[in-house]
Amino acid sequence: MNVPLLDLKAQYLTIKGDVDAAIAEVMDSQHFILGPIVERCEKAIAGYCGCSHAIGVSSGSDALLACLMAEDIGPGEVLLAWAFDPQKKIPRNGSRLNMVLLMRFDPATLADAEREMAPGGVVAYSAVCTHQQCWVTDWLKSAQVLQCPCHQSRYDLRQGAKVVGGPAPRPLPALPLTLSDGALKVAGPFTDRVGGEKPGAA
């Protein structure tokens, strides 16, 4: 017996009347971009999410770009973040190893392996240097590398954060991302152990 992993037709049949009516309304109005129907949809989504406003965009990539623009984060800007505890609904603390850095690049400039983990060109890595666990925060625009301010280890974030200078023994561990419902989400664990040369240090 062949059991489909996801039966979208069965789901569609339960809401077929509403979906068909909504499509017919759009076709009749010929408002394919913006217009009162989109405005009504945005208000309904905002109400469902419990927020003041919602914005409809054409794709998940545009949704990601809108979030970055709202925070004034452009290409080549470092964003530092803390891991979020999904149970407690608060950022994790208590260890310097929890800091993550994000940067946005032109996806065409990323290595193939990085592009697969970086929706919209947004890469995420541990912000902890693999040498002595300093926070790696300095983006050298002229050299296009991230540098540890303590011992000057340098990492090429477009090439898997490989070490291109300094004493660091290995690349920064990457954090795979995915785009879901217009939001960046973690798609898997770090690609390597987070921390410096002494695994037990924190």
N, C-alpha and C. Protein backbone atom coordinates (compact mmCIF):
# COMPACT_ATOMS: atom_id res chain seq x y z
N MET A 1 0.85 -1.19 0.00
CA MET A 1 0.00 0.00 0.00
C MET A 1 0.88 1.24 0.00
N ASN A 2 0.61 2.14 -0.90
CA ASN A 2 1.40 3.37 -1.03
C ASN A 2 0.70 4.49 -0.25
N VAL A 3 1.31 4.91 0.87
CA VAL A 3 0.75 5.98 1.69
C VAL A 3 1.55 7.25 1.44
N PRO A 4 0.94 8.30 0.88
CA PRO A 4 1.69 9.53 0.59
C PRO A 4 2.16 10.22 1.86
N LEU A 5 3.33 10.80 1.79
CA LEU A 5 3.88 11.51 2.94
C LEU A 5 3.02 12.72 3.29
N LEU A 6 2.53 13.40 2.26
CA LEU A 6 1.72 14.60 2.47
C LEU A 6 0.64 14.64 1.40
N ASP A 7 -0.60 14.51 1.79
CA ASP A 7 -1.72 14.50 0.85
C ASP A 7 -2.36 15.88 0.82
N LEU A 8 -1.84 16.75 -0.05
CA LEU A 8 -2.35 18.11 -0.14
C LEU A 8 -3.77 18.15 -0.71
N LYS A 9 -4.08 17.20 -1.57
CA LYS A 9 -5.42 17.19 -2.16
C LYS A 9 -6.48 16.96 -1.10
N ALA A 10 -6.22 16.07 -0.17
CA ALA A 10 -7.17 15.81 0.91
C ALA A 10 -7.39 17.07 1.75
N GLN A 11 -6.30 17.79 1.99
CA GLN A 11 -6.41 19.04 2.74
C GLN A 11 -7.21 20.06 1.94
N TYR A 12 -6.90 20.15 0.65
CA TYR A 12 -7.59 21.12 -0.21
C TYR A 12 -9.09 20.86 -0.27
N LEU A 13 -9.50 19.62 -0.32
CA LEU A 13 -10.92 19.29 -0.43
C LEU A 13 -11.72 19.78 0.77
N THR A 14 -11.06 19.90 1.93
CA THR A 14 -11.78 20.37 3.11
C THR A 14 -12.05 21.87 3.08
N ILE A 15 -11.30 22.60 2.25
CA ILE A 15 -11.46 24.06 2.17
C ILE A 15 -11.69 24.51 0.73
N LYS A 16 -12.04 23.56 -0.14
CA LYS A 16 -12.15 23.83 -1.57
C LYS A 16 -13.10 25.00 -1.88
N GLY A 17 -14.24 25.04 -1.22
CA GLY A 17 -15.20 26.10 -1.49
C GLY A 17 -14.63 27.48 -1.21
N ASP A 18 -13.97 27.63 -0.06
CA ASP A 18 -13.39 28.92 0.31
C ASP A 18 -12.25 29.31 -0.62
N VAL A 19 -11.39 28.34 -0.95
CA VAL A 19 -10.25 28.63 -1.82
C VAL A 19 -10.72 29.03 -3.21
N ASP A 20 -11.63 28.28 -3.77
CA ASP A 20 -12.12 28.57 -5.11
C ASP A 20 -12.82 29.92 -5.17
N ALA A 21 -13.57 30.24 -4.12
CA ALA A 21 -14.27 31.52 -4.09
C ALA A 21 -13.28 32.68 -4.01
N ALA A 22 -12.21 32.50 -3.22
CA ALA A 22 -11.21 33.55 -3.08
C ALA A 22 -10.47 33.77 -4.40
N ILE A 23 -10.13 32.68 -5.09
CA ILE A 23 -9.46 32.81 -6.38
C ILE A 23 -10.37 33.49 -7.39
N ALA A 24 -11.63 33.12 -7.41
CA ALA A 24 -12.58 33.72 -8.34
C ALA A 24 -12.73 35.22 -8.08
N GLU A 25 -12.71 35.60 -6.79
CA GLU A 25 -12.83 37.01 -6.44
C GLU A 25 -11.65 37.81 -6.98
N VAL A 26 -10.44 37.25 -6.85
CA VAL A 26 -9.26 37.92 -7.38
C VAL A 26 -9.33 38.04 -8.90
N MET A 27 -9.71 36.96 -9.55
CA MET A 27 -9.81 36.98 -11.02
C MET A 27 -10.84 38.00 -11.49
N ASP A 28 -11.97 38.08 -10.79
CA ASP A 28 -13.01 39.03 -11.18
C ASP A 28 -12.57 40.47 -10.98
N SER A 29 -11.82 40.72 -9.91
CA SER A 29 -11.39 42.08 -9.61
C SER A 29 -10.20 42.53 -10.45
N GLN A 30 -9.40 41.53 -10.89
CA GLN A 30 -8.15 41.80 -11.63
C GLN A 30 -7.14 42.57 -10.79
N HIS A 31 -7.29 42.55 -9.48
CA HIS A 31 -6.31 43.16 -8.58
C HIS A 31 -5.29 42.09 -8.19
N PHE A 32 -4.28 41.91 -9.04
CA PHE A 32 -3.28 40.87 -8.78
C PHE A 32 -2.13 41.38 -7.90
N ILE A 33 -1.98 42.70 -7.82
CA ILE A 33 -0.94 43.31 -6.99
C ILE A 33 -1.61 44.38 -6.14
N LEU A 34 -1.44 44.28 -4.83
CA LEU A 34 -2.05 45.20 -3.88
C LEU A 34 -3.57 45.18 -4.02
N GLY A 35 -4.23 46.27 -3.72
CA GLY A 35 -5.68 46.30 -3.83
C GLY A 35 -6.38 45.89 -2.54
N PRO A 36 -7.70 45.98 -2.54
CA PRO A 36 -8.49 45.73 -1.31
C PRO A 36 -8.42 44.29 -0.82
N ILE A 37 -8.26 43.33 -1.72
CA ILE A 37 -8.21 41.93 -1.30
C ILE A 37 -6.93 41.64 -0.53
N VAL A 38 -5.81 42.17 -1.02
CA VAL A 38 -4.54 42.00 -0.31
C VAL A 38 -4.59 42.71 1.04
N GLU A 39 -5.19 43.91 1.06
CA GLU A 39 -5.31 44.65 2.32
C GLU A 39 -6.13 43.85 3.33
N ARG A 40 -7.20 43.24 2.88
CA ARG A 40 -8.04 42.43 3.75
C ARG A 40 -7.28 41.21 4.29
N CYS A 41 -6.49 40.61 3.40
CA CYS A 41 -5.67 39.46 3.80
C CYS A 41 -4.65 39.86 4.85
N GLU A 42 -3.99 41.01 4.64
CA GLU A 42 -2.99 41.48 5.60
C GLU A 42 -3.61 41.76 6.96
N LYS A 43 -4.79 42.33 6.98
CA LYS A 43 -5.47 42.61 8.25
C LYS A 43 -5.84 41.30 8.96
N ALA A 44 -6.27 40.32 8.18
CA ALA A 44 -6.63 39.02 8.77
C ALA A 44 -5.41 38.33 9.36
N ILE A 45 -4.26 38.41 8.66
CA ILE A 45 -3.03 37.79 9.16
C ILE A 45 -2.56 38.51 10.43
N ALA A 46 -2.64 39.84 10.41
CA ALA A 46 -2.24 40.61 11.60
C ALA A 46 -3.09 40.23 12.80
N GLY A 47 -4.39 40.09 12.58
CA GLY A 47 -5.27 39.71 13.66
C GLY A 47 -4.97 38.32 14.18
N TYR A 48 -4.68 37.40 13.27
CA TYR A 48 -4.36 36.03 13.66
C TYR A 48 -3.07 35.98 14.48
N CYS A 49 -2.09 36.82 14.09
CA CYS A 49 -0.79 36.83 14.76
C CYS A 49 -0.78 37.70 16.01
N GLY A 50 -1.85 38.46 16.21
CA GLY A 50 -1.92 39.32 17.38
C GLY A 50 -1.00 40.52 17.29
N CYS A 51 -0.79 41.04 16.09
CA CYS A 51 0.08 42.21 15.92
C CYS A 51 -0.70 43.32 15.21
N SER A 52 -0.10 44.50 15.15
CA SER A 52 -0.79 45.67 14.59
C SER A 52 -0.86 45.63 13.07
N HIS A 53 0.20 45.14 12.43
CA HIS A 53 0.28 45.19 10.98
C HIS A 53 0.89 43.91 10.43
N ALA A 54 0.54 43.60 9.20
CA ALA A 54 1.18 42.52 8.45
C ALA A 54 1.39 43.00 7.02
N ILE A 55 2.44 42.53 6.39
CA ILE A 55 2.77 42.95 5.03
C ILE A 55 2.87 41.73 4.14
N GLY A 56 2.11 41.72 3.07
CA GLY A 56 2.19 40.64 2.10
C GLY A 56 3.30 40.92 1.08
N VAL A 57 4.15 39.94 0.82
CA VAL A 57 5.22 40.08 -0.16
C VAL A 57 5.16 38.92 -1.14
N SER A 58 5.98 38.99 -2.17
CA SER A 58 5.84 38.04 -3.27
C SER A 58 6.53 36.70 -3.04
N SER A 59 7.46 36.63 -2.06
CA SER A 59 8.19 35.39 -1.87
C SER A 59 8.82 35.37 -0.47
N GLY A 60 9.30 34.19 -0.09
CA GLY A 60 10.00 34.08 1.18
C GLY A 60 11.27 34.90 1.21
N SER A 61 11.97 34.98 0.07
CA SER A 61 13.19 35.79 -0.01
C SER A 61 12.88 37.26 0.22
N ASP A 62 11.76 37.75 -0.35
CA ASP A 62 11.37 39.14 -0.13
C ASP A 62 11.00 39.38 1.32
N ALA A 63 10.40 38.37 1.97
CA ALA A 63 10.06 38.50 3.38
C ALA A 63 11.33 38.66 4.21
N LEU A 64 12.35 37.86 3.89
CA LEU A 64 13.63 37.95 4.59
C LEU A 64 14.26 39.31 4.36
N LEU A 65 14.24 39.79 3.11
CA LEU A 65 14.82 41.09 2.80
C LEU A 65 14.11 42.20 3.55
N ALA A 66 12.78 42.12 3.66
CA ALA A 66 12.02 43.14 4.38
C ALA A 66 12.43 43.21 5.84
N CYS A 67 12.66 42.04 6.45
CA CYS A 67 13.10 42.01 7.86
C CYS A 67 14.47 42.67 8.02
N LEU A 68 15.38 42.36 7.09
CA LEU A 68 16.71 42.95 7.15
C LEU A 68 16.67 44.46 6.94
N MET A 69 15.81 44.90 6.02
CA MET A 69 15.68 46.33 5.76
C MET A 69 15.09 47.05 6.97
N ALA A 70 14.13 46.41 7.65
CA ALA A 70 13.51 47.02 8.83
C ALA A 70 14.53 47.25 9.93
N GLU A 71 15.50 46.35 10.03
CA GLU A 71 16.55 46.47 11.05
C GLU A 71 17.78 47.21 10.53
N ASP A 72 17.68 47.72 9.28
CA ASP A 72 18.78 48.46 8.66
C ASP A 72 20.06 47.63 8.60
N ILE A 73 19.90 46.34 8.25
CA ILE A 73 21.04 45.45 8.12
C ILE A 73 21.32 45.24 6.64
N GLY A 74 22.44 45.75 6.17
CA GLY A 74 22.80 45.62 4.76
C GLY A 74 23.92 44.61 4.58
N PRO A 75 24.30 44.36 3.33
CA PRO A 75 25.41 43.44 3.06
C PRO A 75 26.69 43.91 3.76
N GLY A 76 27.40 42.97 4.36
CA GLY A 76 28.67 43.29 5.00
C GLY A 76 28.54 43.86 6.39
N GLU A 77 27.36 43.75 7.01
CA GLU A 77 27.18 44.21 8.39
C GLU A 77 27.03 43.01 9.30
N VAL A 78 27.75 43.03 10.41
CA VAL A 78 27.71 41.92 11.37
C VAL A 78 26.54 42.11 12.33
N LEU A 79 25.73 41.09 12.46
CA LEU A 79 24.67 41.08 13.45
C LEU A 79 24.98 39.99 14.47
N LEU A 80 25.08 40.38 15.74
CA LEU A 80 25.35 39.42 16.81
C LEU A 80 24.05 39.07 17.52
N ALA A 81 23.87 37.80 17.79
CA ALA A 81 22.63 37.34 18.41
C ALA A 81 22.93 36.26 19.43
N TRP A 82 21.99 36.04 20.33
CA TRP A 82 22.10 34.98 21.32
C TRP A 82 21.14 33.86 20.96
N ALA A 83 21.56 32.64 21.19
CA ALA A 83 20.68 31.50 20.95
C ALA A 83 19.42 31.65 21.79
N PHE A 84 18.28 31.24 21.22
CA PHE A 84 16.98 31.40 21.88
C PHE A 84 16.51 30.06 22.42
N ASP A 85 16.12 30.06 23.68
CA ASP A 85 15.63 28.85 24.32
C ASP A 85 14.15 28.68 23.99
N PRO A 86 13.77 27.68 23.17
CA PRO A 86 12.37 27.55 22.75
C PRO A 86 11.42 27.19 23.87
N GLN A 87 11.92 26.57 24.95
CA GLN A 87 11.06 26.22 26.07
C GLN A 87 10.79 27.43 26.97
N LYS A 88 11.86 28.13 27.33
CA LYS A 88 11.72 29.27 28.24
C LYS A 88 11.33 30.56 27.52
N LYS A 89 11.44 30.57 26.18
CA LYS A 89 11.10 31.74 25.38
C LYS A 89 11.96 32.96 25.71
N ILE A 90 13.21 32.69 26.08
CA ILE A 90 14.15 33.78 26.37
C ILE A 90 15.51 33.42 25.77
N PRO A 91 16.35 34.44 25.51
CA PRO A 91 17.70 34.14 25.02
C PRO A 91 18.49 33.36 26.06
N ARG A 92 19.25 32.42 25.60
CA ARG A 92 20.08 31.64 26.51
C ARG A 92 21.24 32.51 27.01
N ASN A 93 21.68 32.27 28.23
CA ASN A 93 22.82 32.99 28.76
C ASN A 93 23.64 32.04 29.61
N GLY A 94 24.62 32.57 30.29
CA GLY A 94 25.41 31.73 31.18
C GLY A 94 26.70 31.23 30.56
N SER A 95 26.86 31.38 29.27
CA SER A 95 28.08 30.95 28.62
C SER A 95 28.36 31.82 27.41
N ARG A 96 29.59 32.21 27.25
CA ARG A 96 29.98 33.03 26.10
C ARG A 96 29.86 32.23 24.80
N LEU A 97 29.75 30.90 24.90
CA LEU A 97 29.67 30.07 23.71
C LEU A 97 28.34 30.19 22.99
N ASN A 98 27.37 30.87 23.58
CA ASN A 98 26.03 30.95 22.99
C ASN A 98 25.89 32.03 21.93
N MET A 99 26.89 32.90 21.76
CA MET A 99 26.73 33.99 20.80
C MET A 99 26.89 33.49 19.37
N VAL A 100 26.01 33.98 18.50
CA VAL A 100 26.01 33.64 17.08
C VAL A 100 26.14 34.93 16.29
N LEU A 101 26.84 34.88 15.16
CA LEU A 101 26.93 36.04 14.28
C LEU A 101 26.27 35.73 12.95
N LEU A 102 25.62 36.74 12.39
CA LEU A 102 24.97 36.61 11.09
C LEU A 102 25.43 37.73 10.18
N MET A 103 25.61 37.40 8.90
CA MET A 103 25.93 38.41 7.89
C MET A 103 25.21 38.04 6.61
N ARG A 104 24.91 39.06 5.82
CA ARG A 104 24.23 38.84 4.55
C ARG A 104 25.17 39.17 3.40
N PHE A 105 25.25 38.23 2.45
CA PHE A 105 26.08 38.40 1.27
C PHE A 105 25.24 38.17 0.01
N ASP A 106 25.77 38.56 -1.12
CA ASP A 106 25.19 38.16 -2.39
C ASP A 106 25.31 36.65 -2.49
N PRO A 107 24.19 35.91 -2.61
CA PRO A 107 24.28 34.44 -2.65
C PRO A 107 25.23 33.91 -3.71
N ALA A 108 25.39 34.63 -4.82
CA ALA A 108 26.27 34.18 -5.90
C ALA A 108 27.73 34.17 -5.49
N THR A 109 28.08 34.89 -4.41
CA THR A 109 29.48 34.95 -3.98
C THR A 109 29.81 33.87 -2.95
N LEU A 110 28.82 33.12 -2.50
CA LEU A 110 29.05 32.09 -1.49
C LEU A 110 29.47 30.78 -2.13
N ALA A 111 30.29 30.03 -1.42
CA ALA A 111 30.63 28.68 -1.85
C ALA A 111 29.36 27.83 -1.86
N ASP A 112 29.35 26.79 -2.69
CA ASP A 112 28.14 25.98 -2.85
C ASP A 112 27.63 25.45 -1.51
N ALA A 113 28.54 24.95 -0.68
CA ALA A 113 28.12 24.37 0.60
C ALA A 113 27.50 25.42 1.50
N GLU A 114 28.01 26.65 1.46
CA GLU A 114 27.47 27.72 2.31
C GLU A 114 26.12 28.18 1.79
N ARG A 115 25.97 28.25 0.47
CA ARG A 115 24.73 28.73 -0.12
C ARG A 115 23.55 27.86 0.28
N GLU A 116 23.78 26.57 0.42
CA GLU A 116 22.70 25.65 0.80
C GLU A 116 22.20 25.92 2.22
N MET A 117 23.03 26.50 3.06
CA MET A 117 22.66 26.76 4.46
C MET A 117 22.33 28.22 4.70
N ALA A 118 22.28 29.03 3.64
CA ALA A 118 22.17 30.48 3.81
C ALA A 118 21.04 31.05 2.96
N PRO A 119 19.80 30.95 3.39
CA PRO A 119 18.69 31.49 2.61
C PRO A 119 18.83 32.99 2.42
N GLY A 120 18.68 33.43 1.19
CA GLY A 120 18.82 34.86 0.92
C GLY A 120 20.23 35.38 1.10
N GLY A 121 21.21 34.48 1.20
CA GLY A 121 22.60 34.90 1.40
C GLY A 121 22.96 35.20 2.83
N VAL A 122 22.08 34.88 3.78
CA VAL A 122 22.36 35.13 5.20
C VAL A 122 23.08 33.91 5.79
N VAL A 123 24.31 34.13 6.22
CA VAL A 123 25.09 33.05 6.83
C VAL A 123 25.09 33.22 8.34
N ALA A 124 25.21 32.12 9.06
CA ALA A 124 25.27 32.15 10.53
C ALA A 124 26.41 31.27 10.99
N TYR A 125 27.22 31.80 11.89
CA TYR A 125 28.36 31.07 12.45
C TYR A 125 28.44 31.31 13.95
N SER A 126 29.12 30.43 14.64
CA SER A 126 29.46 30.71 16.02
C SER A 126 30.33 31.95 16.05
N ALA A 127 30.07 32.84 17.01
CA ALA A 127 30.88 34.05 17.14
C ALA A 127 32.08 33.84 18.05
N VAL A 128 32.35 32.58 18.38
CA VAL A 128 33.44 32.26 19.30
C VAL A 128 34.65 31.77 18.52
N CYS A 129 35.76 32.46 18.67
CA CYS A 129 36.99 32.11 17.95
C CYS A 129 37.44 30.70 18.33
N THR A 130 37.89 29.94 17.35
CA THR A 130 38.33 28.57 17.60
C THR A 130 39.74 28.51 18.19
N HIS A 131 40.33 29.67 18.43
CA HIS A 131 41.67 29.71 19.04
C HIS A 131 41.54 29.74 20.57
N GLN A 132 41.16 30.91 21.13
CA GLN A 132 41.07 31.06 22.58
C GLN A 132 39.68 31.53 23.04
N GLN A 133 38.68 31.28 22.23
CA GLN A 133 37.29 31.56 22.59
C GLN A 133 36.97 33.04 22.78
N CYS A 134 37.70 33.91 22.13
CA CYS A 134 37.33 35.32 22.12
C CYS A 134 36.12 35.48 21.19
N TRP A 135 35.38 36.57 21.34
CA TRP A 135 34.29 36.84 20.41
C TRP A 135 34.85 37.45 19.14
N VAL A 136 34.48 36.89 18.03
CA VAL A 136 34.94 37.37 16.73
C VAL A 136 33.93 38.38 16.21
N THR A 137 34.28 39.65 16.21
CA THR A 137 33.30 40.69 15.92
C THR A 137 33.73 41.72 14.88
N ASP A 138 34.99 41.71 14.45
CA ASP A 138 35.50 42.78 13.60
C ASP A 138 35.44 42.40 12.12
N TRP A 139 34.60 43.08 11.37
CA TRP A 139 34.53 42.86 9.93
C TRP A 139 35.48 43.83 9.24
N LEU A 140 36.48 43.29 8.55
CA LEU A 140 37.46 44.11 7.83
C LEU A 140 36.96 44.28 6.40
N LYS A 141 36.36 45.43 6.14
CA LYS A 141 35.69 45.64 4.85
C LYS A 141 36.65 45.54 3.68
N SER A 142 37.85 46.10 3.83
CA SER A 142 38.80 46.10 2.72
C SER A 142 39.27 44.70 2.37
N ALA A 143 39.45 43.86 3.39
CA ALA A 143 39.91 42.49 3.16
C ALA A 143 38.76 41.50 3.01
N GLN A 144 37.56 41.95 3.36
CA GLN A 144 36.36 41.09 3.27
C GLN A 144 36.50 39.82 4.11
N VAL A 145 37.02 39.99 5.33
CA VAL A 145 37.16 38.86 6.25
C VAL A 145 36.72 39.31 7.64
N LEU A 146 36.37 38.34 8.46
CA LEU A 146 36.04 38.59 9.86
C LEU A 146 37.28 38.33 10.70
N GLN A 147 37.60 39.24 11.62
CA GLN A 147 38.83 39.13 12.41
C GLN A 147 38.53 39.11 13.90
N CYS A 148 39.24 38.23 14.60
CA CYS A 148 39.19 38.21 16.05
C CYS A 148 40.05 39.37 16.57
N PRO A 149 39.51 40.25 17.42
CA PRO A 149 40.28 41.40 17.89
C PRO A 149 41.38 41.04 18.88
N CYS A 150 41.35 39.84 19.42
CA CYS A 150 42.34 39.46 20.44
C CYS A 150 43.68 39.01 19.83
N HIS A 151 43.62 38.02 18.93
CA HIS A 151 44.85 37.45 18.37
C HIS A 151 44.89 37.48 16.85
N GLN A 152 43.95 38.25 16.26
CA GLN A 152 43.93 38.53 14.82
C GLN A 152 43.74 37.30 13.93
N SER A 153 43.06 36.29 14.42
CA SER A 153 42.67 35.21 13.51
C SER A 153 41.64 35.77 12.54
N ARG A 154 41.75 35.34 11.28
CA ARG A 154 40.85 35.85 10.25
C ARG A 154 40.08 34.70 9.60
N TYR A 155 38.80 34.97 9.28
CA TYR A 155 37.93 33.94 8.71
C TYR A 155 37.24 34.49 7.46
N ASP A 156 37.17 33.65 6.44
CA ASP A 156 36.45 34.00 5.21
C ASP A 156 35.05 33.41 5.29
N LEU A 157 34.06 34.25 5.57
CA LEU A 157 32.70 33.77 5.80
C LEU A 157 32.02 33.29 4.52
N ARG A 158 32.52 33.70 3.37
CA ARG A 158 31.94 33.22 2.11
C ARG A 158 32.39 31.80 1.78
N GLN A 159 33.47 31.38 2.41
CA GLN A 159 34.05 30.06 2.13
C GLN A 159 34.03 29.18 3.38
N GLY A 160 32.88 29.13 4.03
CA GLY A 160 32.76 28.26 5.19
C GLY A 160 33.51 28.75 6.40
N ALA A 161 33.78 30.06 6.49
CA ALA A 161 34.54 30.64 7.61
C ALA A 161 35.89 29.97 7.78
N LYS A 162 36.50 29.60 6.66
CA LYS A 162 37.83 28.98 6.75
C LYS A 162 38.84 30.00 7.25
N VAL A 163 39.87 29.50 7.92
CA VAL A 163 40.90 30.37 8.49
C VAL A 163 41.83 30.84 7.37
N VAL A 164 41.97 32.16 7.26
CA VAL A 164 42.85 32.72 6.24
C VAL A 164 43.98 33.54 6.87
N GLY A 165 44.07 33.51 8.19
CA GLY A 165 45.15 34.22 8.86
C GLY A 165 45.05 34.04 10.37
N GLY A 166 46.20 34.15 11.05
CA GLY A 166 46.21 34.06 12.50
C GLY A 166 46.31 32.64 13.01
N PRO A 167 46.24 32.48 14.35
CA PRO A 167 46.52 31.18 14.97
C PRO A 167 45.34 30.22 15.08
N ALA A 168 44.14 30.62 14.67
CA ALA A 168 42.98 29.74 14.82
C ALA A 168 43.23 28.41 14.11
N PRO A 169 42.92 27.28 14.76
CA PRO A 169 43.22 25.97 14.17
C PRO A 169 42.17 25.44 13.22
N ARG A 170 40.96 26.01 13.21
CA ARG A 170 39.89 25.47 12.37
C ARG A 170 38.85 26.55 12.09
N PRO A 171 37.98 26.33 11.10
CA PRO A 171 36.95 27.32 10.77
C PRO A 171 35.95 27.52 11.90
N LEU A 172 35.22 28.61 11.83
CA LEU A 172 34.11 28.81 12.75
C LEU A 172 33.00 27.82 12.41
N PRO A 173 32.40 27.16 13.39
CA PRO A 173 31.29 26.26 13.12
C PRO A 173 30.11 27.02 12.52
N ALA A 174 29.53 26.47 11.47
CA ALA A 174 28.39 27.11 10.82
C ALA A 174 27.09 26.63 11.46
N LEU A 175 26.09 27.49 11.41
CA LEU A 175 24.75 27.14 11.89
C LEU A 175 23.81 27.16 10.70
N PRO A 176 23.36 26.00 10.22
CA PRO A 176 22.49 25.96 9.03
C PRO A 176 21.17 26.69 9.29
N LEU A 177 20.74 27.48 8.32
CA LEU A 177 19.49 28.21 8.44
C LEU A 177 18.51 27.78 7.36
N THR A 178 17.25 28.04 7.61
CA THR A 178 16.21 27.84 6.60
C THR A 178 15.22 28.98 6.73
N LEU A 179 14.44 29.19 5.68
CA LEU A 179 13.42 30.24 5.70
C LEU A 179 12.07 29.57 5.79
N SER A 180 11.32 29.85 6.85
CA SER A 180 10.02 29.23 7.06
C SER A 180 9.01 30.29 7.46
N ASP A 181 7.94 30.41 6.68
CA ASP A 181 6.90 31.40 6.96
C ASP A 181 7.49 32.81 7.09
N GLY A 182 8.48 33.10 6.24
CA GLY A 182 9.07 34.43 6.22
C GLY A 182 10.05 34.72 7.32
N ALA A 183 10.40 33.71 8.13
CA ALA A 183 11.32 33.93 9.24
C ALA A 183 12.52 33.00 9.12
N LEU A 184 13.67 33.50 9.53
CA LEU A 184 14.85 32.66 9.58
C LEU A 184 14.76 31.70 10.76
N LYS A 185 15.02 30.43 10.50
CA LYS A 185 15.00 29.44 11.57
C LYS A 185 16.22 28.54 11.45
N VAL A 186 16.65 27.99 12.57
CA VAL A 186 17.78 27.07 12.58
C VAL A 186 17.34 25.75 11.96
N ALA A 187 18.13 25.27 11.01
CA ALA A 187 17.78 24.05 10.29
C ALA A 187 18.51 22.82 10.81
N GLY A 188 19.48 23.01 11.70
CA GLY A 188 20.24 21.88 12.20
C GLY A 188 21.28 22.34 13.19
N PRO A 189 22.03 21.42 13.77
CA PRO A 189 23.05 21.78 14.75
C PRO A 189 24.27 22.43 14.08
N PHE A 190 25.15 23.00 14.89
CA PHE A 190 26.40 23.53 14.36
C PHE A 190 27.16 22.42 13.64
N THR A 191 27.89 22.83 12.63
CA THR A 191 28.62 21.85 11.82
C THR A 191 29.86 21.30 12.51
N ASP A 192 30.25 21.89 13.63
CA ASP A 192 31.43 21.43 14.36
C ASP A 192 31.29 21.89 15.81
N ARG A 193 32.20 21.43 16.64
CA ARG A 193 32.20 21.82 18.06
C ARG A 193 32.43 23.32 18.20
N VAL A 194 31.62 23.97 19.04
CA VAL A 194 31.79 25.38 19.33
C VAL A 194 32.81 25.55 20.45
N GLY A 195 33.72 26.51 20.27
CA GLY A 195 34.69 26.79 21.32
C GLY A 195 36.11 26.82 20.79
N GLY A 196 37.05 27.03 21.72
CA GLY A 196 38.44 27.17 21.35
C GLY A 196 39.19 25.85 21.40
N GLU A 197 40.50 25.94 21.57
CA GLU A 197 41.34 24.76 21.54
C GLU A 197 41.17 23.88 22.77
N LYS A 198 40.60 24.45 23.84
CA LYS A 198 40.38 23.68 25.06
C LYS A 198 38.88 23.40 25.18
N PRO A 199 38.41 22.21 24.81
CA PRO A 199 36.99 21.91 24.75
C PRO A 199 36.23 22.20 26.02
N GLY A 200 36.85 22.09 27.18
CA GLY A 200 36.12 22.26 28.43
C GLY A 200 36.00 23.71 28.88
N ALA A 201 36.67 24.63 28.20
CA ALA A 201 36.66 26.02 28.66
C ALA A 201 35.34 26.68 28.32
N ALA A 202 34.93 27.63 29.12
CA ALA A 202 33.69 28.37 28.87
C ALA A 202 33.84 29.78 29.40
